[in-house]
Amino acid sequence: MASYKQLEVQFEEPNPKKWCVPLKEDVFVAFMNKGNFITHKALCEGSLFSPLLFGKFFDPSDAFPLWEFDSDVLLSNARSSNNNQCTVDWAQTETDYVLKAEIPGVGKGVIRVTIEDEKVLEVSGQLRLKIEARVKDWRAGNWWEHGCVRRIELPENADWKKTEAFLSTGDHTLLEVKIPKIPPNISDVP
């Protein structure tokens, strides 16, 4: 039976130690070649966390201006591949920005949705529960060995304080994030 719960959206100031080690393409390829099933599932092409989601390599720890692009255009390669494993979509309505994604390989208790510095939406999840004792914060080093992240620039008219995130679990873990738009002032309308 599927369950549906609201996640707490956290608000943070920028942390220079978080995501400070960039994921390079050669490191990603080498890591995936030796990775396990859960790692492959979480970072596979078509996943929200995949560095190859947009058809070319893009470090998911760098903020991406997602809502400037149409999902059908940007994800056309992932959707037309033989695997058709694309598990992410986004859209905007008159009132909201909406992101929907399957979160494969990540436990429901370790999904974090954060708004950083009023400008960046961050979705992260820890893949492995056991982290080496010498690693204080898995996000400060080779983070891809312990978890995954996608950072997305928020549009200027996003009402980030009212961001909501929901997680649905059943056969698949599905995340939905809604970010309301700031309504235009009536005086601004011609």
N, C-alpha and C. Protein backbone atom coordinates (compact mmCIF):
# COMPACT_ATOMS: atom_id res chain seq x y z
N MET A 1 0.85 -1.18 0.00
CA MET A 1 0.00 0.00 0.00
C MET A 1 0.89 1.24 0.00
N ALA A 2 0.57 2.18 -0.83
CA ALA A 2 1.36 3.40 -0.93
C ALA A 2 1.06 4.34 0.23
N SER A 3 2.08 5.04 0.67
CA SER A 3 1.89 6.07 1.69
C SER A 3 2.35 7.40 1.12
N TYR A 4 1.80 8.46 1.65
CA TYR A 4 2.05 9.80 1.14
C TYR A 4 2.32 10.69 2.33
N LYS A 5 3.47 11.37 2.33
CA LYS A 5 3.75 12.24 3.47
C LYS A 5 4.42 13.52 3.00
N GLN A 6 4.20 14.55 3.79
CA GLN A 6 4.83 15.83 3.49
C GLN A 6 6.20 15.84 4.14
N LEU A 7 7.20 16.31 3.39
CA LEU A 7 8.56 16.43 3.91
C LEU A 7 8.77 17.85 4.43
N GLU A 8 9.59 17.97 5.43
CA GLU A 8 9.96 19.29 5.91
C GLU A 8 10.98 19.89 4.95
N VAL A 9 10.68 21.07 4.46
CA VAL A 9 11.62 21.79 3.60
C VAL A 9 12.50 22.62 4.52
N GLN A 10 13.80 22.42 4.41
CA GLN A 10 14.74 23.13 5.27
C GLN A 10 15.29 24.35 4.54
N PHE A 11 15.61 25.37 5.30
CA PHE A 11 16.17 26.60 4.74
C PHE A 11 17.57 26.78 5.32
N GLU A 12 18.55 27.00 4.43
CA GLU A 12 19.95 27.08 4.86
C GLU A 12 20.66 28.25 4.20
N GLU A 13 21.69 28.70 4.88
CA GLU A 13 22.64 29.64 4.29
C GLU A 13 23.65 28.81 3.49
N PRO A 14 24.33 29.40 2.53
CA PRO A 14 25.35 28.64 1.78
C PRO A 14 26.41 28.07 2.72
N ASN A 15 26.82 26.85 2.44
CA ASN A 15 27.84 26.17 3.22
C ASN A 15 29.00 25.83 2.28
N PRO A 16 30.15 26.52 2.41
CA PRO A 16 31.25 26.29 1.48
C PRO A 16 31.84 24.88 1.54
N LYS A 17 31.54 24.13 2.60
CA LYS A 17 32.08 22.77 2.72
C LYS A 17 31.17 21.73 2.07
N LYS A 18 29.93 22.13 1.80
CA LYS A 18 28.98 21.20 1.20
C LYS A 18 29.13 21.23 -0.31
N TRP A 19 29.24 20.07 -0.92
CA TRP A 19 29.39 19.90 -2.36
C TRP A 19 30.64 20.61 -2.88
N CYS A 20 31.67 20.71 -2.04
CA CYS A 20 32.89 21.43 -2.43
C CYS A 20 33.79 20.61 -3.36
N VAL A 21 33.56 19.31 -3.44
CA VAL A 21 34.34 18.47 -4.35
C VAL A 21 33.48 18.24 -5.59
N PRO A 22 33.85 18.84 -6.71
CA PRO A 22 33.03 18.67 -7.91
C PRO A 22 33.16 17.26 -8.48
N LEU A 23 32.08 16.80 -9.07
CA LEU A 23 32.08 15.51 -9.74
C LEU A 23 32.48 15.74 -11.20
N LYS A 24 33.59 15.18 -11.60
CA LYS A 24 34.08 15.30 -12.98
C LYS A 24 33.63 14.07 -13.76
N GLU A 25 33.55 14.22 -15.07
CA GLU A 25 33.03 13.15 -15.91
C GLU A 25 33.86 11.88 -15.82
N ASP A 26 35.19 11.98 -15.84
CA ASP A 26 36.03 10.79 -15.77
C ASP A 26 35.88 10.07 -14.43
N VAL A 27 35.73 10.83 -13.35
CA VAL A 27 35.53 10.25 -12.03
C VAL A 27 34.17 9.54 -11.98
N PHE A 28 33.17 10.17 -12.57
CA PHE A 28 31.83 9.56 -12.60
C PHE A 28 31.85 8.23 -13.36
N VAL A 29 32.48 8.20 -14.52
CA VAL A 29 32.55 6.98 -15.32
C VAL A 29 33.26 5.87 -14.54
N ALA A 30 34.39 6.20 -13.94
CA ALA A 30 35.14 5.21 -13.16
C ALA A 30 34.30 4.72 -11.97
N PHE A 31 33.63 5.64 -11.30
CA PHE A 31 32.80 5.27 -10.15
C PHE A 31 31.66 4.36 -10.57
N MET A 32 31.00 4.68 -11.67
CA MET A 32 29.88 3.85 -12.13
C MET A 32 30.35 2.48 -12.58
N ASN A 33 31.56 2.39 -13.11
CA ASN A 33 32.10 1.10 -13.53
C ASN A 33 32.34 0.16 -12.36
N LYS A 34 32.58 0.71 -11.19
CA LYS A 34 32.80 -0.15 -10.02
C LYS A 34 31.64 -0.08 -9.02
N GLY A 35 30.62 0.71 -9.33
CA GLY A 35 29.49 0.91 -8.42
C GLY A 35 28.62 -0.32 -8.27
N ASN A 36 27.77 -0.28 -7.26
CA ASN A 36 26.85 -1.39 -7.02
C ASN A 36 25.48 -1.09 -7.63
N PHE A 37 24.55 -2.00 -7.48
CA PHE A 37 23.22 -1.88 -8.07
C PHE A 37 22.50 -0.61 -7.61
N ILE A 38 22.53 -0.32 -6.32
CA ILE A 38 21.83 0.85 -5.78
C ILE A 38 22.42 2.13 -6.37
N THR A 39 23.75 2.20 -6.45
CA THR A 39 24.40 3.37 -7.03
C THR A 39 23.98 3.54 -8.49
N HIS A 40 23.99 2.47 -9.24
CA HIS A 40 23.59 2.55 -10.65
C HIS A 40 22.14 3.01 -10.78
N LYS A 41 21.28 2.51 -9.92
CA LYS A 41 19.86 2.87 -10.00
C LYS A 41 19.67 4.35 -9.66
N ALA A 42 20.35 4.84 -8.65
CA ALA A 42 20.19 6.23 -8.22
C ALA A 42 20.79 7.23 -9.20
N LEU A 43 21.89 6.86 -9.85
CA LEU A 43 22.60 7.81 -10.72
C LEU A 43 22.45 7.50 -12.21
N CYS A 44 21.58 6.56 -12.55
CA CYS A 44 21.43 6.17 -13.95
C CYS A 44 20.86 7.31 -14.79
N GLU A 45 21.11 7.22 -16.09
CA GLU A 45 20.58 8.22 -17.01
C GLU A 45 19.06 8.23 -16.89
N GLY A 46 18.48 9.41 -16.78
CA GLY A 46 17.04 9.54 -16.61
C GLY A 46 16.64 9.80 -15.18
N SER A 47 17.54 9.58 -14.22
CA SER A 47 17.28 9.85 -12.82
C SER A 47 17.49 11.34 -12.56
N LEU A 48 16.75 11.88 -11.61
CA LEU A 48 16.94 13.28 -11.20
C LEU A 48 18.39 13.56 -10.83
N PHE A 49 19.07 12.57 -10.26
CA PHE A 49 20.42 12.76 -9.76
C PHE A 49 21.52 12.48 -10.79
N SER A 50 21.15 12.01 -11.96
CA SER A 50 22.16 11.64 -12.95
C SER A 50 22.88 12.85 -13.53
N PRO A 51 24.21 12.81 -13.58
CA PRO A 51 24.96 13.88 -14.24
C PRO A 51 24.69 13.94 -15.74
N LEU A 52 24.09 12.88 -16.29
CA LEU A 52 23.81 12.81 -17.73
C LEU A 52 22.34 13.09 -18.05
N LEU A 53 21.58 13.57 -17.08
CA LEU A 53 20.14 13.78 -17.24
C LEU A 53 19.82 14.67 -18.43
N PHE A 54 20.60 15.69 -18.68
CA PHE A 54 20.27 16.68 -19.70
C PHE A 54 20.96 16.41 -21.04
N GLY A 55 21.42 15.19 -21.26
CA GLY A 55 21.99 14.82 -22.54
C GLY A 55 23.49 15.02 -22.65
N LYS A 56 24.08 15.74 -21.74
CA LYS A 56 25.53 15.86 -21.66
C LYS A 56 25.89 15.95 -20.19
N PHE A 57 27.16 15.75 -19.87
CA PHE A 57 27.58 15.70 -18.48
C PHE A 57 27.41 17.07 -17.82
N PHE A 58 26.75 17.07 -16.66
CA PHE A 58 26.58 18.29 -15.86
C PHE A 58 26.61 17.87 -14.40
N ASP A 59 27.58 18.38 -13.64
CA ASP A 59 27.73 18.05 -12.22
C ASP A 59 26.44 18.41 -11.48
N PRO A 60 25.73 17.43 -10.90
CA PRO A 60 24.47 17.74 -10.23
C PRO A 60 24.62 18.58 -8.96
N SER A 61 25.86 18.77 -8.48
CA SER A 61 26.04 19.64 -7.31
C SER A 61 26.13 21.11 -7.72
N ASP A 62 26.22 21.39 -9.02
CA ASP A 62 26.14 22.77 -9.52
C ASP A 62 24.68 23.10 -9.75
N ALA A 63 24.29 24.32 -9.40
CA ALA A 63 22.89 24.72 -9.59
C ALA A 63 22.59 24.89 -11.08
N PHE A 64 21.46 24.35 -11.51
CA PHE A 64 21.05 24.37 -12.91
C PHE A 64 19.75 25.16 -13.03
N PRO A 65 19.62 26.03 -14.04
CA PRO A 65 18.39 26.83 -14.20
C PRO A 65 17.27 26.03 -14.87
N LEU A 66 16.77 25.02 -14.20
CA LEU A 66 15.84 24.05 -14.76
C LEU A 66 14.61 24.67 -15.40
N TRP A 67 13.97 25.62 -14.72
CA TRP A 67 12.70 26.14 -15.21
C TRP A 67 12.85 27.08 -16.40
N GLU A 68 14.07 27.30 -16.85
CA GLU A 68 14.27 28.07 -18.08
C GLU A 68 14.12 27.18 -19.31
N PHE A 69 13.96 25.88 -19.10
CA PHE A 69 13.90 24.92 -20.19
C PHE A 69 12.61 24.12 -20.14
N ASP A 70 12.13 23.73 -21.30
CA ASP A 70 10.98 22.85 -21.41
C ASP A 70 11.46 21.42 -21.18
N SER A 71 10.79 20.69 -20.33
CA SER A 71 11.25 19.33 -20.01
C SER A 71 11.22 18.42 -21.23
N ASP A 72 10.23 18.57 -22.12
CA ASP A 72 10.16 17.72 -23.31
C ASP A 72 11.39 17.90 -24.20
N VAL A 73 11.88 19.13 -24.30
CA VAL A 73 13.05 19.41 -25.13
C VAL A 73 14.33 18.93 -24.44
N LEU A 74 14.50 19.32 -23.18
CA LEU A 74 15.75 19.01 -22.47
C LEU A 74 15.90 17.51 -22.21
N LEU A 75 14.81 16.81 -22.03
CA LEU A 75 14.88 15.39 -21.71
C LEU A 75 14.60 14.49 -22.92
N SER A 76 14.59 15.05 -24.11
CA SER A 76 14.23 14.27 -25.29
C SER A 76 15.15 13.07 -25.49
N ASN A 77 16.46 13.23 -25.24
CA ASN A 77 17.38 12.09 -25.37
C ASN A 77 17.07 10.99 -24.36
N ALA A 78 16.85 11.37 -23.10
CA ALA A 78 16.57 10.38 -22.07
C ALA A 78 15.25 9.67 -22.33
N ARG A 79 14.27 10.40 -22.84
CA ARG A 79 12.96 9.79 -23.09
C ARG A 79 12.93 8.93 -24.33
N SER A 80 13.80 9.21 -25.28
CA SER A 80 13.79 8.44 -26.52
C SER A 80 14.80 7.29 -26.52
N SER A 81 15.58 7.16 -25.44
CA SER A 81 16.56 6.07 -25.39
C SER A 81 15.84 4.73 -25.33
N ASN A 82 16.56 3.70 -25.64
CA ASN A 82 15.98 2.35 -25.63
C ASN A 82 15.42 1.98 -24.26
N ASN A 83 16.06 2.49 -23.22
CA ASN A 83 15.64 2.15 -21.86
C ASN A 83 14.38 2.89 -21.44
N ASN A 84 14.17 4.11 -21.98
CA ASN A 84 13.07 4.98 -21.60
C ASN A 84 12.93 5.03 -20.07
N GLN A 85 14.05 5.26 -19.41
CA GLN A 85 14.11 5.24 -17.96
C GLN A 85 13.97 6.63 -17.34
N CYS A 86 13.51 7.61 -18.09
CA CYS A 86 13.40 8.95 -17.55
C CYS A 86 12.35 8.99 -16.45
N THR A 87 12.76 9.37 -15.27
CA THR A 87 11.87 9.34 -14.11
C THR A 87 11.71 10.71 -13.48
N VAL A 88 11.89 11.75 -14.29
CA VAL A 88 11.80 13.11 -13.78
C VAL A 88 11.01 13.97 -14.76
N ASP A 89 10.30 14.94 -14.22
CA ASP A 89 9.57 15.88 -15.06
C ASP A 89 9.38 17.17 -14.26
N TRP A 90 9.24 18.24 -14.97
CA TRP A 90 8.96 19.52 -14.32
C TRP A 90 8.08 20.32 -15.24
N ALA A 91 7.36 21.26 -14.63
CA ALA A 91 6.46 22.12 -15.39
C ALA A 91 6.17 23.36 -14.55
N GLN A 92 5.54 24.30 -15.18
CA GLN A 92 5.04 25.44 -14.43
C GLN A 92 3.60 25.69 -14.83
N THR A 93 2.81 26.01 -13.83
CA THR A 93 1.43 26.38 -14.06
C THR A 93 1.35 27.90 -13.88
N GLU A 94 0.16 28.44 -13.90
CA GLU A 94 0.02 29.88 -13.67
C GLU A 94 0.44 30.25 -12.25
N THR A 95 0.34 29.28 -11.32
CA THR A 95 0.58 29.60 -9.92
C THR A 95 1.80 28.92 -9.29
N ASP A 96 2.33 27.86 -9.92
CA ASP A 96 3.39 27.08 -9.27
C ASP A 96 4.45 26.61 -10.26
N TYR A 97 5.63 26.33 -9.70
CA TYR A 97 6.66 25.53 -10.37
C TYR A 97 6.56 24.15 -9.73
N VAL A 98 6.57 23.10 -10.54
CA VAL A 98 6.38 21.75 -10.02
C VAL A 98 7.48 20.84 -10.56
N LEU A 99 8.11 20.10 -9.66
CA LEU A 99 9.12 19.11 -10.00
C LEU A 99 8.62 17.77 -9.49
N LYS A 100 8.63 16.75 -10.37
CA LYS A 100 8.25 15.40 -9.97
C LYS A 100 9.36 14.46 -10.38
N ALA A 101 9.71 13.56 -9.47
CA ALA A 101 10.80 12.63 -9.77
C ALA A 101 10.67 11.36 -8.97
N GLU A 102 11.00 10.25 -9.63
CA GLU A 102 11.16 9.00 -8.91
C GLU A 102 12.53 9.07 -8.25
N ILE A 103 12.62 8.60 -7.04
CA ILE A 103 13.88 8.65 -6.29
C ILE A 103 14.36 7.22 -6.10
N PRO A 104 15.03 6.65 -7.11
CA PRO A 104 15.45 5.25 -7.01
C PRO A 104 16.71 5.09 -6.17
N GLY A 105 16.75 4.01 -5.39
CA GLY A 105 17.95 3.67 -4.66
C GLY A 105 18.19 4.47 -3.39
N VAL A 106 17.26 5.36 -3.07
CA VAL A 106 17.43 6.20 -1.89
C VAL A 106 16.29 5.89 -0.94
N GLY A 107 16.62 5.61 0.32
CA GLY A 107 15.59 5.31 1.30
C GLY A 107 14.72 6.52 1.59
N LYS A 108 13.44 6.26 1.91
CA LYS A 108 12.51 7.36 2.13
C LYS A 108 12.88 8.22 3.33
N GLY A 109 13.62 7.69 4.27
CA GLY A 109 13.98 8.46 5.46
C GLY A 109 15.17 9.38 5.27
N VAL A 110 15.82 9.33 4.12
CA VAL A 110 17.03 10.12 3.95
C VAL A 110 16.94 11.13 2.82
N ILE A 111 15.74 11.44 2.35
CA ILE A 111 15.54 12.46 1.34
C ILE A 111 15.49 13.82 2.04
N ARG A 112 16.28 14.75 1.55
CA ARG A 112 16.25 16.12 2.09
C ARG A 112 15.91 17.09 0.97
N VAL A 113 15.00 18.00 1.27
CA VAL A 113 14.67 19.08 0.35
C VAL A 113 15.04 20.37 1.07
N THR A 114 15.91 21.15 0.45
CA THR A 114 16.45 22.34 1.08
C THR A 114 16.38 23.51 0.12
N ILE A 115 16.10 24.68 0.67
CA ILE A 115 16.23 25.92 -0.09
C ILE A 115 17.46 26.61 0.48
N GLU A 116 18.44 26.84 -0.39
CA GLU A 116 19.69 27.45 0.06
C GLU A 116 19.75 28.90 -0.40
N ASP A 117 19.98 29.79 0.54
CA ASP A 117 20.20 31.20 0.26
C ASP A 117 19.09 31.82 -0.59
N GLU A 118 17.86 31.33 -0.42
CA GLU A 118 16.70 31.85 -1.12
C GLU A 118 16.78 31.71 -2.64
N LYS A 119 17.80 31.00 -3.15
CA LYS A 119 18.04 30.97 -4.59
C LYS A 119 18.15 29.59 -5.20
N VAL A 120 18.38 28.55 -4.39
CA VAL A 120 18.65 27.22 -4.93
C VAL A 120 17.80 26.18 -4.21
N LEU A 121 17.10 25.37 -5.01
CA LEU A 121 16.39 24.20 -4.49
C LEU A 121 17.37 23.04 -4.55
N GLU A 122 17.50 22.34 -3.45
CA GLU A 122 18.43 21.21 -3.40
C GLU A 122 17.67 19.98 -2.93
N VAL A 123 17.76 18.91 -3.72
CA VAL A 123 17.21 17.61 -3.33
C VAL A 123 18.39 16.68 -3.17
N SER A 124 18.52 16.07 -2.00
CA SER A 124 19.64 15.17 -1.77
C SER A 124 19.15 13.94 -1.02
N GLY A 125 19.93 12.89 -1.16
CA GLY A 125 19.59 11.65 -0.47
C GLY A 125 20.83 10.82 -0.22
N GLN A 126 20.85 10.17 0.90
CA GLN A 126 21.99 9.34 1.27
C GLN A 126 21.74 7.92 0.79
N LEU A 127 22.72 7.36 0.08
CA LEU A 127 22.58 6.01 -0.47
C LEU A 127 22.96 4.94 0.54
N ARG A 128 23.96 5.20 1.30
CA ARG A 128 24.46 4.19 2.23
C ARG A 128 24.28 4.69 3.65
N LEU A 129 23.82 3.84 4.50
CA LEU A 129 23.59 4.24 5.89
C LEU A 129 24.88 4.27 6.69
N LYS A 130 25.83 3.42 6.34
CA LYS A 130 27.10 3.38 7.06
C LYS A 130 28.13 4.23 6.33
N ILE A 131 28.61 5.24 7.02
CA ILE A 131 29.62 6.13 6.45
C ILE A 131 30.88 5.96 7.28
N GLU A 132 32.00 5.99 6.60
CA GLU A 132 33.27 5.83 7.29
C GLU A 132 33.38 6.83 8.45
N ALA A 133 33.97 6.39 9.54
CA ALA A 133 34.07 7.21 10.74
C ALA A 133 34.82 8.52 10.48
N ARG A 134 35.76 8.50 9.54
CA ARG A 134 36.54 9.72 9.29
C ARG A 134 35.76 10.77 8.50
N VAL A 135 34.58 10.41 7.98
CA VAL A 135 33.77 11.34 7.21
C VAL A 135 32.70 11.92 8.13
N LYS A 136 32.84 13.22 8.48
CA LYS A 136 31.86 13.86 9.35
C LYS A 136 30.57 14.14 8.61
N ASP A 137 30.68 14.73 7.45
CA ASP A 137 29.52 15.08 6.65
C ASP A 137 29.73 14.52 5.25
N TRP A 138 28.90 13.56 4.86
CA TRP A 138 29.09 12.89 3.57
C TRP A 138 29.05 13.85 2.40
N ARG A 139 28.48 15.04 2.57
CA ARG A 139 28.35 16.00 1.49
C ARG A 139 29.62 16.83 1.28
N ALA A 140 30.61 16.68 2.16
CA ALA A 140 31.81 17.51 2.11
C ALA A 140 32.96 16.89 1.31
N GLY A 141 32.91 15.63 1.02
CA GLY A 141 34.00 14.98 0.30
C GLY A 141 33.53 14.44 -1.03
N ASN A 142 33.91 13.21 -1.32
CA ASN A 142 33.45 12.54 -2.54
C ASN A 142 32.00 12.10 -2.31
N TRP A 143 31.10 13.06 -2.32
CA TRP A 143 29.70 12.85 -1.93
C TRP A 143 29.03 11.75 -2.74
N TRP A 144 29.39 11.57 -3.99
CA TRP A 144 28.76 10.56 -4.86
C TRP A 144 29.02 9.14 -4.36
N GLU A 145 29.98 8.96 -3.45
CA GLU A 145 30.22 7.63 -2.87
C GLU A 145 29.20 7.30 -1.78
N HIS A 146 28.49 8.31 -1.30
CA HIS A 146 27.58 8.13 -0.17
C HIS A 146 26.15 8.55 -0.46
N GLY A 147 25.96 9.38 -1.47
CA GLY A 147 24.62 9.88 -1.73
C GLY A 147 24.53 10.56 -3.07
N CYS A 148 23.46 11.31 -3.25
CA CYS A 148 23.24 11.98 -4.52
C CYS A 148 22.57 13.32 -4.27
N VAL A 149 22.66 14.19 -5.27
CA VAL A 149 22.13 15.54 -5.13
C VAL A 149 21.72 16.06 -6.50
N ARG A 150 20.76 16.95 -6.50
CA ARG A 150 20.45 17.77 -7.66
C ARG A 150 20.15 19.16 -7.12
N ARG A 151 20.87 20.15 -7.62
CA ARG A 151 20.68 21.54 -7.21
C ARG A 151 20.10 22.32 -8.39
N ILE A 152 19.04 23.08 -8.12
CA ILE A 152 18.30 23.76 -9.17
C ILE A 152 18.12 25.23 -8.79
N GLU A 153 18.50 26.11 -9.72
CA GLU A 153 18.29 27.55 -9.48
C GLU A 153 16.80 27.84 -9.44
N LEU A 154 16.41 28.67 -8.49
CA LEU A 154 15.00 29.07 -8.42
C LEU A 154 14.78 30.29 -9.30
N PRO A 155 13.65 30.35 -9.98
CA PRO A 155 13.31 31.55 -10.75
C PRO A 155 13.12 32.75 -9.82
N GLU A 156 13.28 33.94 -10.36
CA GLU A 156 13.17 35.15 -9.53
C GLU A 156 11.81 35.31 -8.89
N ASN A 157 10.76 34.83 -9.56
CA ASN A 157 9.42 35.01 -9.00
C ASN A 157 8.95 33.81 -8.16
N ALA A 158 9.89 32.98 -7.73
CA ALA A 158 9.53 31.84 -6.87
C ALA A 158 9.33 32.31 -5.44
N ASP A 159 8.23 31.91 -4.85
CA ASP A 159 7.94 32.23 -3.45
C ASP A 159 8.54 31.10 -2.60
N TRP A 160 9.86 31.10 -2.49
CA TRP A 160 10.63 30.00 -1.90
C TRP A 160 10.21 29.67 -0.47
N LYS A 161 9.70 30.65 0.28
CA LYS A 161 9.31 30.39 1.67
C LYS A 161 8.11 29.45 1.77
N LYS A 162 7.36 29.32 0.68
CA LYS A 162 6.16 28.49 0.69
C LYS A 162 6.35 27.16 -0.05
N THR A 163 7.60 26.79 -0.27
CA THR A 163 7.90 25.53 -0.95
C THR A 163 7.35 24.35 -0.16
N GLU A 164 6.75 23.41 -0.87
CA GLU A 164 6.23 22.19 -0.25
C GLU A 164 6.82 20.99 -0.97
N ALA A 165 7.08 19.94 -0.21
CA ALA A 165 7.61 18.71 -0.78
C ALA A 165 6.82 17.53 -0.21
N PHE A 166 6.50 16.58 -1.11
CA PHE A 166 5.72 15.41 -0.72
C PHE A 166 6.42 14.17 -1.24
N LEU A 167 6.37 13.11 -0.46
CA LEU A 167 6.98 11.85 -0.83
C LEU A 167 5.90 10.77 -0.81
N SER A 168 5.81 10.04 -1.89
CA SER A 168 4.86 8.95 -2.01
C SER A 168 5.68 7.67 -2.14
N THR A 169 5.40 6.71 -1.28
CA THR A 169 6.13 5.45 -1.34
C THR A 169 5.16 4.32 -1.59
N GLY A 170 5.59 3.39 -2.36
CA GLY A 170 4.81 2.20 -2.72
C GLY A 170 5.77 1.33 -3.49
N ASP A 171 5.40 0.99 -4.72
CA ASP A 171 6.32 0.27 -5.59
C ASP A 171 7.54 1.12 -5.91
N HIS A 172 7.35 2.43 -5.99
CA HIS A 172 8.42 3.38 -6.28
C HIS A 172 8.33 4.52 -5.29
N THR A 173 9.46 5.17 -5.02
CA THR A 173 9.47 6.36 -4.18
C THR A 173 9.40 7.56 -5.11
N LEU A 174 8.33 8.35 -4.97
CA LEU A 174 8.11 9.50 -5.83
C LEU A 174 8.14 10.78 -5.01
N LEU A 175 8.85 11.76 -5.52
CA LEU A 175 8.96 13.06 -4.87
C LEU A 175 8.23 14.09 -5.73
N GLU A 176 7.49 14.96 -5.07
CA GLU A 176 6.87 16.10 -5.76
C GLU A 176 7.19 17.36 -4.95
N VAL A 177 7.75 18.34 -5.63
CA VAL A 177 8.08 19.62 -5.00
C VAL A 177 7.27 20.69 -5.71
N LYS A 178 6.56 21.50 -4.91
CA LYS A 178 5.78 22.63 -5.45
C LYS A 178 6.34 23.92 -4.88
N ILE A 179 6.64 24.84 -5.78
CA ILE A 179 7.13 26.15 -5.38
C ILE A 179 6.17 27.18 -5.96
N PRO A 180 5.40 27.85 -5.10
CA PRO A 180 4.45 28.84 -5.62
C PRO A 180 5.18 30.01 -6.30
N LYS A 181 4.49 30.60 -7.25
CA LYS A 181 4.99 31.82 -7.89
C LYS A 181 4.48 33.02 -7.09
N ILE A 182 5.29 34.04 -7.02
CA ILE A 182 4.85 35.29 -6.42
C ILE A 182 3.88 35.93 -7.41
N PRO A 183 2.64 36.20 -6.98
CA PRO A 183 1.70 36.78 -7.95
C PRO A 183 2.15 38.17 -8.36
N PRO A 184 1.93 38.52 -9.63
CA PRO A 184 2.30 39.86 -10.06
C PRO A 184 1.39 40.88 -9.39
N ASN A 185 1.95 42.04 -9.11
CA ASN A 185 1.14 43.12 -8.53
C ASN A 185 0.14 43.60 -9.58
N ILE A 186 -1.05 43.89 -9.13
CA ILE A 186 -2.08 44.35 -10.05
C ILE A 186 -1.61 45.63 -10.75
N SER A 187 -0.83 46.45 -10.04
CA SER A 187 -0.35 47.70 -10.63
C SER A 187 0.69 47.44 -11.73
N ASP A 188 1.30 46.23 -11.74
CA ASP A 188 2.30 45.88 -12.74
C ASP A 188 1.66 45.41 -14.06
N VAL A 189 0.37 45.04 -14.00
CA VAL A 189 -0.30 44.52 -15.18
C VAL A 189 -0.75 45.70 -16.04
N PRO A 190 -0.41 45.70 -17.35
CA PRO A 190 -0.80 46.85 -18.20
C PRO A 190 -2.28 46.92 -18.43
